[in-house]
mmCIF file of all heavy atoms, coordinates in Angstrom:
data_MODEL
# 
_entry.id   MODEL 
# 
loop_
_atom_site.group_PDB 
_atom_site.id 
_atom_site.type_symbol 
_atom_site.label_atom_id 
_atom_site.label_alt_id 
_atom_site.label_comp_id 
_atom_site.label_asym_id 
_atom_site.label_entity_id 
_atom_site.label_seq_id 
_atom_site.pdbx_PDB_ins_code 
_atom_site.Cartn_x 
_atom_site.Cartn_y 
_atom_site.Cartn_z 
_atom_site.occupancy 
_atom_site.B_iso_or_equiv 
_atom_site.pdbx_formal_charge 
_atom_site.auth_seq_id 
_atom_site.auth_comp_id 
_atom_site.auth_asym_id 
_atom_site.auth_atom_id 
_atom_site.pdbx_PDB_model_num 
ATOM 1   N N   . ASN A 1 1  ? 49.259 18.625 111.413 1.00 0.00 ? 1  ASN A N   1 
ATOM 2   C CA  . ASN A 1 1  ? 49.790 17.445 110.774 1.00 0.00 ? 1  ASN A CA  1 
ATOM 3   C C   . ASN A 1 1  ? 49.451 16.235 111.618 1.00 0.00 ? 1  ASN A C   1 
ATOM 4   O O   . ASN A 1 1  ? 49.069 15.117 111.159 1.00 0.00 ? 1  ASN A O   1 
ATOM 5   C CB  . ASN A 1 1  ? 51.280 17.486 110.648 1.00 0.00 ? 1  ASN A CB  1 
ATOM 6   C CG  . ASN A 1 1  ? 51.667 18.434 109.464 1.00 0.00 ? 1  ASN A CG  1 
ATOM 7   O OD1 . ASN A 1 1  ? 50.788 18.655 108.529 1.00 0.00 ? 1  ASN A OD1 1 
ATOM 8   N ND2 . ASN A 1 1  ? 52.807 19.027 109.456 1.00 0.00 ? 1  ASN A ND2 1 
ATOM 9   N N   . LYS A 1 2  ? 49.607 16.315 113.022 1.00 0.00 ? 2  LYS A N   1 
ATOM 10  C CA  . LYS A 1 2  ? 49.323 15.207 113.858 1.00 0.00 ? 2  LYS A CA  1 
ATOM 11  C C   . LYS A 1 2  ? 47.820 14.934 113.839 1.00 0.00 ? 2  LYS A C   1 
ATOM 12  O O   . LYS A 1 2  ? 47.395 13.811 113.801 1.00 0.00 ? 2  LYS A O   1 
ATOM 13  C CB  . LYS A 1 2  ? 49.755 15.591 115.284 1.00 0.00 ? 2  LYS A CB  1 
ATOM 14  C CG  . LYS A 1 2  ? 51.231 15.665 115.480 1.00 0.00 ? 2  LYS A CG  1 
ATOM 15  C CD  . LYS A 1 2  ? 51.562 16.098 116.866 1.00 0.00 ? 2  LYS A CD  1 
ATOM 16  C CE  . LYS A 1 2  ? 53.078 16.233 117.094 1.00 0.00 ? 2  LYS A CE  1 
ATOM 17  N NZ  . LYS A 1 2  ? 53.455 16.699 118.399 1.00 0.00 ? 2  LYS A NZ  1 
ATOM 18  N N   . LEU A 1 3  ? 47.017 16.051 113.706 1.00 0.00 ? 3  LEU A N   1 
ATOM 19  C CA  . LEU A 1 3  ? 45.592 15.853 113.658 1.00 0.00 ? 3  LEU A CA  1 
ATOM 20  C C   . LEU A 1 3  ? 45.223 15.098 112.422 1.00 0.00 ? 3  LEU A C   1 
ATOM 21  O O   . LEU A 1 3  ? 44.336 14.201 112.408 1.00 0.00 ? 3  LEU A O   1 
ATOM 22  C CB  . LEU A 1 3  ? 44.965 17.209 113.680 1.00 0.00 ? 3  LEU A CB  1 
ATOM 23  C CG  . LEU A 1 3  ? 43.386 17.252 113.597 1.00 0.00 ? 3  LEU A CG  1 
ATOM 24  C CD1 . LEU A 1 3  ? 42.789 16.668 114.729 1.00 0.00 ? 3  LEU A CD1 1 
ATOM 25  C CD2 . LEU A 1 3  ? 42.950 18.715 113.457 1.00 0.00 ? 3  LEU A CD2 1 
ATOM 26  N N   . SER A 1 4  ? 45.847 15.443 111.255 1.00 0.00 ? 4  SER A N   1 
ATOM 27  C CA  . SER A 1 4  ? 45.475 14.732 110.010 1.00 0.00 ? 4  SER A CA  1 
ATOM 28  C C   . SER A 1 4  ? 45.781 13.295 110.107 1.00 0.00 ? 4  SER A C   1 
ATOM 29  O O   . SER A 1 4  ? 44.978 12.437 109.658 1.00 0.00 ? 4  SER A O   1 
ATOM 30  C CB  . SER A 1 4  ? 46.396 15.363 108.823 1.00 0.00 ? 4  SER A CB  1 
ATOM 31  O OG  . SER A 1 4  ? 46.158 16.676 108.773 1.00 0.00 ? 4  SER A OG  1 
ATOM 32  N N   . ILE A 1 5  ? 46.934 12.902 110.662 1.00 0.00 ? 5  ILE A N   1 
ATOM 33  C CA  . ILE A 1 5  ? 47.281 11.504 110.725 1.00 0.00 ? 5  ILE A CA  1 
ATOM 34  C C   . ILE A 1 5  ? 46.267 10.736 111.638 1.00 0.00 ? 5  ILE A C   1 
ATOM 35  O O   . ILE A 1 5  ? 45.772 9.624  111.270 1.00 0.00 ? 5  ILE A O   1 
ATOM 36  C CB  . ILE A 1 5  ? 48.678 11.323 111.300 1.00 0.00 ? 5  ILE A CB  1 
ATOM 37  C CG1 . ILE A 1 5  ? 49.735 11.964 110.359 1.00 0.00 ? 5  ILE A CG1 1 
ATOM 38  C CG2 . ILE A 1 5  ? 49.005 9.885  111.654 1.00 0.00 ? 5  ILE A CG2 1 
ATOM 39  C CD1 . ILE A 1 5  ? 51.165 12.040 110.898 1.00 0.00 ? 5  ILE A CD1 1 
ATOM 40  N N   . LYS A 1 6  ? 45.925 11.389 112.742 1.00 0.00 ? 6  LYS A N   1 
ATOM 41  C CA  . LYS A 1 6  ? 44.963 10.805 113.634 1.00 0.00 ? 6  LYS A CA  1 
ATOM 42  C C   . LYS A 1 6  ? 43.570 10.610 113.007 1.00 0.00 ? 6  LYS A C   1 
ATOM 43  O O   . LYS A 1 6  ? 42.993 9.600  113.112 1.00 0.00 ? 6  LYS A O   1 
ATOM 44  C CB  . LYS A 1 6  ? 44.901 11.603 114.920 1.00 0.00 ? 6  LYS A CB  1 
ATOM 45  C CG  . LYS A 1 6  ? 43.955 11.066 116.004 1.00 0.00 ? 6  LYS A CG  1 
ATOM 46  C CD  . LYS A 1 6  ? 43.843 11.894 117.227 1.00 0.00 ? 6  LYS A CD  1 
ATOM 47  C CE  . LYS A 1 6  ? 42.822 11.412 118.202 1.00 0.00 ? 6  LYS A CE  1 
ATOM 48  N NZ  . LYS A 1 6  ? 42.743 12.222 119.457 1.00 0.00 ? 6  LYS A NZ  1 
ATOM 49  N N   . PHE A 1 7  ? 43.145 11.670 112.282 1.00 0.00 ? 7  PHE A N   1 
ATOM 50  C CA  . PHE A 1 7  ? 41.885 11.706 111.707 1.00 0.00 ? 7  PHE A CA  1 
ATOM 51  C C   . PHE A 1 7  ? 41.629 10.754 110.595 1.00 0.00 ? 7  PHE A C   1 
ATOM 52  O O   . PHE A 1 7  ? 40.708 10.025 110.533 1.00 0.00 ? 7  PHE A O   1 
ATOM 53  C CB  . PHE A 1 7  ? 41.468 13.098 111.210 1.00 0.00 ? 7  PHE A CB  1 
ATOM 54  C CG  . PHE A 1 7  ? 40.101 13.186 110.661 1.00 0.00 ? 7  PHE A CG  1 
ATOM 55  C CD1 . PHE A 1 7  ? 39.079 13.342 111.485 1.00 0.00 ? 7  PHE A CD1 1 
ATOM 56  C CD2 . PHE A 1 7  ? 39.973 13.180 109.340 1.00 0.00 ? 7  PHE A CD2 1 
ATOM 57  C CE1 . PHE A 1 7  ? 37.753 13.455 110.978 1.00 0.00 ? 7  PHE A CE1 1 
ATOM 58  C CE2 . PHE A 1 7  ? 38.684 13.322 108.801 1.00 0.00 ? 7  PHE A CE2 1 
ATOM 59  C CZ  . PHE A 1 7  ? 37.561 13.439 109.628 1.00 0.00 ? 7  PHE A CZ  1 
ATOM 60  N N   . THR A 1 8  ? 42.710 10.606 109.732 1.00 0.00 ? 8  THR A N   1 
ATOM 61  C CA  . THR A 1 8  ? 42.523 9.658  108.547 1.00 0.00 ? 8  THR A CA  1 
ATOM 62  C C   . THR A 1 8  ? 42.456 8.251  108.969 1.00 0.00 ? 8  THR A C   1 
ATOM 63  O O   . THR A 1 8  ? 42.144 7.379  108.185 1.00 0.00 ? 8  THR A O   1 
ATOM 64  C CB  . THR A 1 8  ? 43.738 9.903  107.622 1.00 0.00 ? 8  THR A CB  1 
ATOM 65  O OG1 . THR A 1 8  ? 44.920 9.794  108.315 1.00 0.00 ? 8  THR A OG1 1 
ATOM 66  C CG2 . THR A 1 8  ? 43.634 11.278 106.969 1.00 0.00 ? 8  THR A CG2 1 
ATOM 67  N N   . LYS A 1 9  ? 42.834 7.914  110.255 1.00 0.00 ? 9  LYS A N   1 
ATOM 68  C CA  . LYS A 1 9  ? 42.778 6.502  110.675 1.00 0.00 ? 9  LYS A CA  1 
ATOM 69  C C   . LYS A 1 9  ? 41.269 6.146  111.075 1.00 0.00 ? 9  LYS A C   1 
ATOM 70  O O   . LYS A 1 9  ? 41.060 4.924  111.161 1.00 0.00 ? 9  LYS A O   1 
ATOM 71  C CB  . LYS A 1 9  ? 43.669 6.246  111.882 1.00 0.00 ? 9  LYS A CB  1 
ATOM 72  C CG  . LYS A 1 9  ? 45.167 6.295  111.547 1.00 0.00 ? 9  LYS A CG  1 
ATOM 73  C CD  . LYS A 1 9  ? 45.940 6.066  112.712 1.00 0.00 ? 9  LYS A CD  1 
ATOM 74  C CE  . LYS A 1 9  ? 47.458 6.161  112.448 1.00 0.00 ? 9  LYS A CE  1 
ATOM 75  N NZ  . LYS A 1 9  ? 48.300 5.821  113.659 1.00 0.00 ? 9  LYS A NZ  1 
ATOM 76  N N   . SER A 1 10 ? 40.429 7.154  111.222 1.00 0.00 ? 10 SER A N   1 
ATOM 77  C CA  . SER A 1 10 ? 39.039 6.837  111.691 1.00 0.00 ? 10 SER A CA  1 
ATOM 78  C C   . SER A 1 10 ? 38.162 7.027  110.456 1.00 0.00 ? 10 SER A C   1 
ATOM 79  O O   . SER A 1 10 ? 38.305 7.879  109.566 1.00 0.00 ? 10 SER A O   1 
ATOM 80  C CB  . SER A 1 10 ? 38.663 7.803  112.772 1.00 0.00 ? 10 SER A CB  1 
ATOM 81  O OG  . SER A 1 10 ? 38.712 9.079  112.318 1.00 0.00 ? 10 SER A OG  1 
ATOM 82  N N   . PRO A 1 11 ? 37.068 6.183  110.356 1.00 0.00 ? 11 PRO A N   1 
ATOM 83  C CA  . PRO A 1 11 ? 36.065 6.316  109.264 1.00 0.00 ? 11 PRO A CA  1 
ATOM 84  C C   . PRO A 1 11 ? 35.222 7.640  109.426 1.00 0.00 ? 11 PRO A C   1 
ATOM 85  O O   . PRO A 1 11 ? 34.298 7.649  110.219 1.00 0.00 ? 11 PRO A O   1 
ATOM 86  C CB  . PRO A 1 11 ? 35.245 5.052  109.448 1.00 0.00 ? 11 PRO A CB  1 
ATOM 87  C CG  . PRO A 1 11 ? 35.308 4.713  110.907 1.00 0.00 ? 11 PRO A CG  1 
ATOM 88  C CD  . PRO A 1 11 ? 36.644 5.151  111.359 1.00 0.00 ? 11 PRO A CD  1 
ATOM 89  N N   . SER A 1 12 ? 35.548 8.626  108.580 1.00 0.00 ? 12 SER A N   1 
ATOM 90  C CA  . SER A 1 12 ? 34.774 9.868  108.735 1.00 0.00 ? 12 SER A CA  1 
ATOM 91  C C   . SER A 1 12 ? 33.351 9.749  108.360 1.00 0.00 ? 12 SER A C   1 
ATOM 92  O O   . SER A 1 12 ? 32.568 10.525 108.857 1.00 0.00 ? 12 SER A O   1 
ATOM 93  C CB  . SER A 1 12 ? 35.531 10.920 107.890 1.00 0.00 ? 12 SER A CB  1 
ATOM 94  O OG  . SER A 1 12 ? 35.492 10.594 106.463 1.00 0.00 ? 12 SER A OG  1 
ATOM 95  N N   . GLN A 1 13 ? 32.984 8.860  107.355 1.00 0.00 ? 13 GLN A N   1 
ATOM 96  C CA  . GLN A 1 13 ? 31.692 8.826  106.929 1.00 0.00 ? 13 GLN A CA  1 
ATOM 97  C C   . GLN A 1 13 ? 30.735 8.486  108.045 1.00 0.00 ? 13 GLN A C   1 
ATOM 98  O O   . GLN A 1 13 ? 29.682 9.209  108.216 1.00 0.00 ? 13 GLN A O   1 
ATOM 99  C CB  . GLN A 1 13 ? 31.593 7.810  105.751 1.00 0.00 ? 13 GLN A CB  1 
ATOM 100 C CG  . GLN A 1 13 ? 30.242 7.714  105.093 1.00 0.00 ? 13 GLN A CG  1 
ATOM 101 C CD  . GLN A 1 13 ? 29.884 9.033  104.404 1.00 0.00 ? 13 GLN A CD  1 
ATOM 102 O OE1 . GLN A 1 13 ? 30.798 9.729  103.891 1.00 0.00 ? 13 GLN A OE1 1 
ATOM 103 N NE2 . GLN A 1 13 ? 28.636 9.469  104.340 1.00 0.00 ? 13 GLN A NE2 1 
ATOM 104 N N   . LYS A 1 14 ? 31.050 7.471  108.793 1.00 0.00 ? 14 LYS A N   1 
ATOM 105 C CA  . LYS A 1 14 ? 30.189 7.056  109.905 1.00 0.00 ? 14 LYS A CA  1 
ATOM 106 C C   . LYS A 1 14 ? 30.064 8.212  110.889 1.00 0.00 ? 14 LYS A C   1 
ATOM 107 O O   . LYS A 1 14 ? 28.968 8.493  111.499 1.00 0.00 ? 14 LYS A O   1 
ATOM 108 C CB  . LYS A 1 14 ? 30.748 5.826  110.606 1.00 0.00 ? 14 LYS A CB  1 
ATOM 109 C CG  . LYS A 1 14 ? 29.876 5.310  111.722 1.00 0.00 ? 14 LYS A CG  1 
ATOM 110 C CD  . LYS A 1 14 ? 30.416 4.064  112.308 1.00 0.00 ? 14 LYS A CD  1 
ATOM 111 C CE  . LYS A 1 14 ? 29.640 3.533  113.455 1.00 0.00 ? 14 LYS A CE  1 
ATOM 112 N NZ  . LYS A 1 14 ? 30.088 2.345  114.057 1.00 0.00 ? 14 LYS A NZ  1 
ATOM 113 N N   . PHE A 1 15 ? 31.149 8.909  111.173 1.00 0.00 ? 15 PHE A N   1 
ATOM 114 C CA  . PHE A 1 15 ? 31.139 9.958  112.171 1.00 0.00 ? 15 PHE A CA  1 
ATOM 115 C C   . PHE A 1 15 ? 30.287 11.097 111.716 1.00 0.00 ? 15 PHE A C   1 
ATOM 116 O O   . PHE A 1 15 ? 29.464 11.646 112.444 1.00 0.00 ? 15 PHE A O   1 
ATOM 117 C CB  . PHE A 1 15 ? 32.630 10.519 112.264 1.00 0.00 ? 15 PHE A CB  1 
ATOM 118 C CG  . PHE A 1 15 ? 32.750 11.806 113.123 1.00 0.00 ? 15 PHE A CG  1 
ATOM 119 C CD1 . PHE A 1 15 ? 32.499 11.764 114.481 1.00 0.00 ? 15 PHE A CD1 1 
ATOM 120 C CD2 . PHE A 1 15 ? 33.027 13.028 112.455 1.00 0.00 ? 15 PHE A CD2 1 
ATOM 121 C CE1 . PHE A 1 15 ? 32.628 12.889 115.228 1.00 0.00 ? 15 PHE A CE1 1 
ATOM 122 C CE2 . PHE A 1 15 ? 33.110 14.101 113.223 1.00 0.00 ? 15 PHE A CE2 1 
ATOM 123 C CZ  . PHE A 1 15 ? 32.917 14.052 114.635 1.00 0.00 ? 15 PHE A CZ  1 
ATOM 124 N N   . ASN A 1 16 ? 30.300 11.415 110.450 1.00 0.00 ? 16 ASN A N   1 
ATOM 125 C CA  . ASN A 1 16 ? 29.496 12.480 109.876 1.00 0.00 ? 16 ASN A CA  1 
ATOM 126 C C   . ASN A 1 16 ? 28.007 12.185 109.825 1.00 0.00 ? 16 ASN A C   1 
ATOM 127 O O   . ASN A 1 16 ? 27.078 13.027 109.893 1.00 0.00 ? 16 ASN A O   1 
ATOM 128 C CB  . ASN A 1 16 ? 30.005 12.955 108.481 1.00 0.00 ? 16 ASN A CB  1 
ATOM 129 C CG  . ASN A 1 16 ? 31.272 13.744 108.604 1.00 0.00 ? 16 ASN A CG  1 
ATOM 130 O OD1 . ASN A 1 16 ? 31.540 14.248 109.632 1.00 0.00 ? 16 ASN A OD1 1 
ATOM 131 N ND2 . ASN A 1 16 ? 31.965 13.903 107.531 1.00 0.00 ? 16 ASN A ND2 1 
ATOM 132 N N   . GLU A 1 17 ? 27.654 10.903 109.577 1.00 0.00 ? 17 GLU A N   1 
ATOM 133 C CA  . GLU A 1 17 ? 26.297 10.439 109.469 1.00 0.00 ? 17 GLU A CA  1 
ATOM 134 C C   . GLU A 1 17 ? 25.571 10.669 110.716 1.00 0.00 ? 17 GLU A C   1 
ATOM 135 O O   . GLU A 1 17 ? 24.332 10.991 110.802 1.00 0.00 ? 17 GLU A O   1 
ATOM 136 C CB  . GLU A 1 17 ? 26.203 9.019  109.099 1.00 0.00 ? 17 GLU A CB  1 
ATOM 137 C CG  . GLU A 1 17 ? 26.500 8.808  107.666 1.00 0.00 ? 17 GLU A CG  1 
ATOM 138 C CD  . GLU A 1 17 ? 26.470 7.202  107.362 1.00 0.00 ? 17 GLU A CD  1 
ATOM 139 O OE1 . GLU A 1 17 ? 26.364 6.458  108.285 1.00 0.00 ? 17 GLU A OE1 1 
ATOM 140 O OE2 . GLU A 1 17 ? 26.549 6.901  106.136 1.00 0.00 ? 17 GLU A OE2 1 
ATOM 141 N N   . GLU A 1 18 ? 26.271 10.751 111.920 1.00 0.00 ? 18 GLU A N   1 
ATOM 142 C CA  . GLU A 1 18 ? 25.629 10.905 113.169 1.00 0.00 ? 18 GLU A CA  1 
ATOM 143 C C   . GLU A 1 18 ? 25.336 12.332 113.483 1.00 0.00 ? 18 GLU A C   1 
ATOM 144 O O   . GLU A 1 18 ? 24.504 12.602 114.356 1.00 0.00 ? 18 GLU A O   1 
ATOM 145 C CB  . GLU A 1 18 ? 26.570 10.393 114.275 1.00 0.00 ? 18 GLU A CB  1 
ATOM 146 C CG  . GLU A 1 18 ? 26.841 8.912  114.172 1.00 0.00 ? 18 GLU A CG  1 
ATOM 147 C CD  . GLU A 1 18 ? 27.870 8.442  115.128 1.00 0.00 ? 18 GLU A CD  1 
ATOM 148 O OE1 . GLU A 1 18 ? 28.400 9.318  115.823 1.00 0.00 ? 18 GLU A OE1 1 
ATOM 149 O OE2 . GLU A 1 18 ? 28.132 7.202  115.230 1.00 0.00 ? 18 GLU A OE2 1 
ATOM 150 N N   . ILE A 1 19 ? 25.852 13.299 112.812 1.00 0.00 ? 19 ILE A N   1 
ATOM 151 C CA  . ILE A 1 19 ? 25.630 14.760 113.084 1.00 0.00 ? 19 ILE A CA  1 
ATOM 152 C C   . ILE A 1 19 ? 25.092 15.474 111.880 1.00 0.00 ? 19 ILE A C   1 
ATOM 153 O O   . ILE A 1 19 ? 24.876 16.701 111.948 1.00 0.00 ? 19 ILE A O   1 
ATOM 154 C CB  . ILE A 1 19 ? 26.935 15.383 113.442 1.00 0.00 ? 19 ILE A CB  1 
ATOM 155 C CG1 . ILE A 1 19 ? 28.027 15.307 112.436 1.00 0.00 ? 19 ILE A CG1 1 
ATOM 156 C CG2 . ILE A 1 19 ? 27.467 14.832 114.755 1.00 0.00 ? 19 ILE A CG2 1 
ATOM 157 C CD1 . ILE A 1 19 ? 29.292 16.036 112.807 1.00 0.00 ? 19 ILE A CD1 1 
ATOM 158 N N   . THR A 1 20 ? 24.863 14.854 110.756 1.00 0.00 ? 20 THR A N   1 
ATOM 159 C CA  . THR A 1 20 ? 24.322 15.544 109.494 1.00 0.00 ? 20 THR A CA  1 
ATOM 160 C C   . THR A 1 20 ? 23.083 14.925 108.982 1.00 0.00 ? 20 THR A C   1 
ATOM 161 O O   . THR A 1 20 ? 22.729 13.844 109.330 1.00 0.00 ? 20 THR A O   1 
ATOM 162 C CB  . THR A 1 20 ? 25.451 15.591 108.428 1.00 0.00 ? 20 THR A CB  1 
ATOM 163 O OG1 . THR A 1 20 ? 25.709 14.226 108.021 1.00 0.00 ? 20 THR A OG1 1 
ATOM 164 C CG2 . THR A 1 20 ? 26.667 16.241 108.819 1.00 0.00 ? 20 THR A CG2 1 
ATOM 165 N N   . GLU A 1 21 ? 22.333 15.621 108.248 1.00 0.00 ? 21 GLU A N   1 
ATOM 166 C CA  . GLU A 1 21 ? 21.084 15.157 107.621 1.00 0.00 ? 21 GLU A CA  1 
ATOM 167 C C   . GLU A 1 21 ? 21.308 14.935 106.130 1.00 0.00 ? 21 GLU A C   1 
ATOM 168 O O   . GLU A 1 21 ? 21.922 15.745 105.456 1.00 0.00 ? 21 GLU A O   1 
ATOM 169 C CB  . GLU A 1 21 ? 19.944 16.220 107.827 1.00 0.00 ? 21 GLU A CB  1 
ATOM 170 C CG  . GLU A 1 21 ? 19.562 16.458 109.245 1.00 0.00 ? 21 GLU A CG  1 
ATOM 171 C CD  . GLU A 1 21 ? 18.565 17.554 109.365 1.00 0.00 ? 21 GLU A CD  1 
ATOM 172 O OE1 . GLU A 1 21 ? 17.917 17.834 108.302 1.00 0.00 ? 21 GLU A OE1 1 
ATOM 173 O OE2 . GLU A 1 21 ? 18.349 18.043 110.447 1.00 0.00 ? 21 GLU A OE2 1 
ATOM 174 N N   . GLY A 1 22 ? 20.722 13.952 105.571 1.00 0.00 ? 22 GLY A N   1 
ATOM 175 C CA  . GLY A 1 22 ? 20.698 13.599 104.197 1.00 0.00 ? 22 GLY A CA  1 
ATOM 176 C C   . GLY A 1 22 ? 22.187 13.473 103.700 1.00 0.00 ? 22 GLY A C   1 
ATOM 177 O O   . GLY A 1 22 ? 23.084 13.031 104.450 1.00 0.00 ? 22 GLY A O   1 
ATOM 178 N N   . ASN A 1 23 ? 22.364 13.763 102.484 1.00 0.00 ? 23 ASN A N   1 
ATOM 179 C CA  . ASN A 1 23 ? 23.753 13.763 101.846 1.00 0.00 ? 23 ASN A CA  1 
ATOM 180 C C   . ASN A 1 23 ? 24.366 15.113 102.028 1.00 0.00 ? 23 ASN A C   1 
ATOM 181 O O   . ASN A 1 23 ? 24.196 16.008 101.165 1.00 0.00 ? 23 ASN A O   1 
ATOM 182 C CB  . ASN A 1 23 ? 23.722 13.327 100.386 1.00 0.00 ? 23 ASN A CB  1 
ATOM 183 C CG  . ASN A 1 23 ? 25.094 13.054 99.797  1.00 0.00 ? 23 ASN A CG  1 
ATOM 184 O OD1 . ASN A 1 23 ? 26.082 13.748 100.206 1.00 0.00 ? 23 ASN A OD1 1 
ATOM 185 N ND2 . ASN A 1 23 ? 25.188 12.027 99.038  1.00 0.00 ? 23 ASN A ND2 1 
ATOM 186 N N   . PHE A 1 24 ? 24.992 15.410 103.194 1.00 0.00 ? 24 PHE A N   1 
ATOM 187 C CA  . PHE A 1 24 ? 25.430 16.733 103.529 1.00 0.00 ? 24 PHE A CA  1 
ATOM 188 C C   . PHE A 1 24 ? 26.288 17.362 102.476 1.00 0.00 ? 24 PHE A C   1 
ATOM 189 O O   . PHE A 1 24 ? 26.085 18.502 102.115 1.00 0.00 ? 24 PHE A O   1 
ATOM 190 C CB  . PHE A 1 24 ? 26.207 16.639 104.756 1.00 0.00 ? 24 PHE A CB  1 
ATOM 191 C CG  . PHE A 1 24 ? 26.630 17.962 105.382 1.00 0.00 ? 24 PHE A CG  1 
ATOM 192 C CD1 . PHE A 1 24 ? 25.778 18.742 106.199 1.00 0.00 ? 24 PHE A CD1 1 
ATOM 193 C CD2 . PHE A 1 24 ? 27.899 18.492 105.061 1.00 0.00 ? 24 PHE A CD2 1 
ATOM 194 C CE1 . PHE A 1 24 ? 26.110 19.957 106.602 1.00 0.00 ? 24 PHE A CE1 1 
ATOM 195 C CE2 . PHE A 1 24 ? 28.271 19.765 105.527 1.00 0.00 ? 24 PHE A CE2 1 
ATOM 196 C CZ  . PHE A 1 24 ? 27.390 20.446 106.302 1.00 0.00 ? 24 PHE A CZ  1 
ATOM 197 N N   . GLU A 1 25 ? 27.325 16.628 101.992 1.00 0.00 ? 25 GLU A N   1 
ATOM 198 C CA  . GLU A 1 25 ? 28.182 17.276 100.965 1.00 0.00 ? 25 GLU A CA  1 
ATOM 199 C C   . GLU A 1 25 ? 27.413 17.678 99.721  1.00 0.00 ? 25 GLU A C   1 
ATOM 200 O O   . GLU A 1 25 ? 27.717 18.788 99.152  1.00 0.00 ? 25 GLU A O   1 
ATOM 201 C CB  . GLU A 1 25 ? 29.347 16.239 100.655 1.00 0.00 ? 25 GLU A CB  1 
ATOM 202 C CG  . GLU A 1 25 ? 30.342 16.066 101.757 1.00 0.00 ? 25 GLU A CG  1 
ATOM 203 C CD  . GLU A 1 25 ? 31.499 15.148 101.383 1.00 0.00 ? 25 GLU A CD  1 
ATOM 204 O OE1 . GLU A 1 25 ? 31.337 14.451 100.336 1.00 0.00 ? 25 GLU A OE1 1 
ATOM 205 O OE2 . GLU A 1 25 ? 32.542 15.112 102.057 1.00 0.00 ? 25 GLU A OE2 1 
# 
């Protein structure tokens, strides 16, 4: 639960773009 709160405050899209190729999802 703490992790969820902390994570949702950060922009996940930018984070994922740095470690994935193309449109990962």
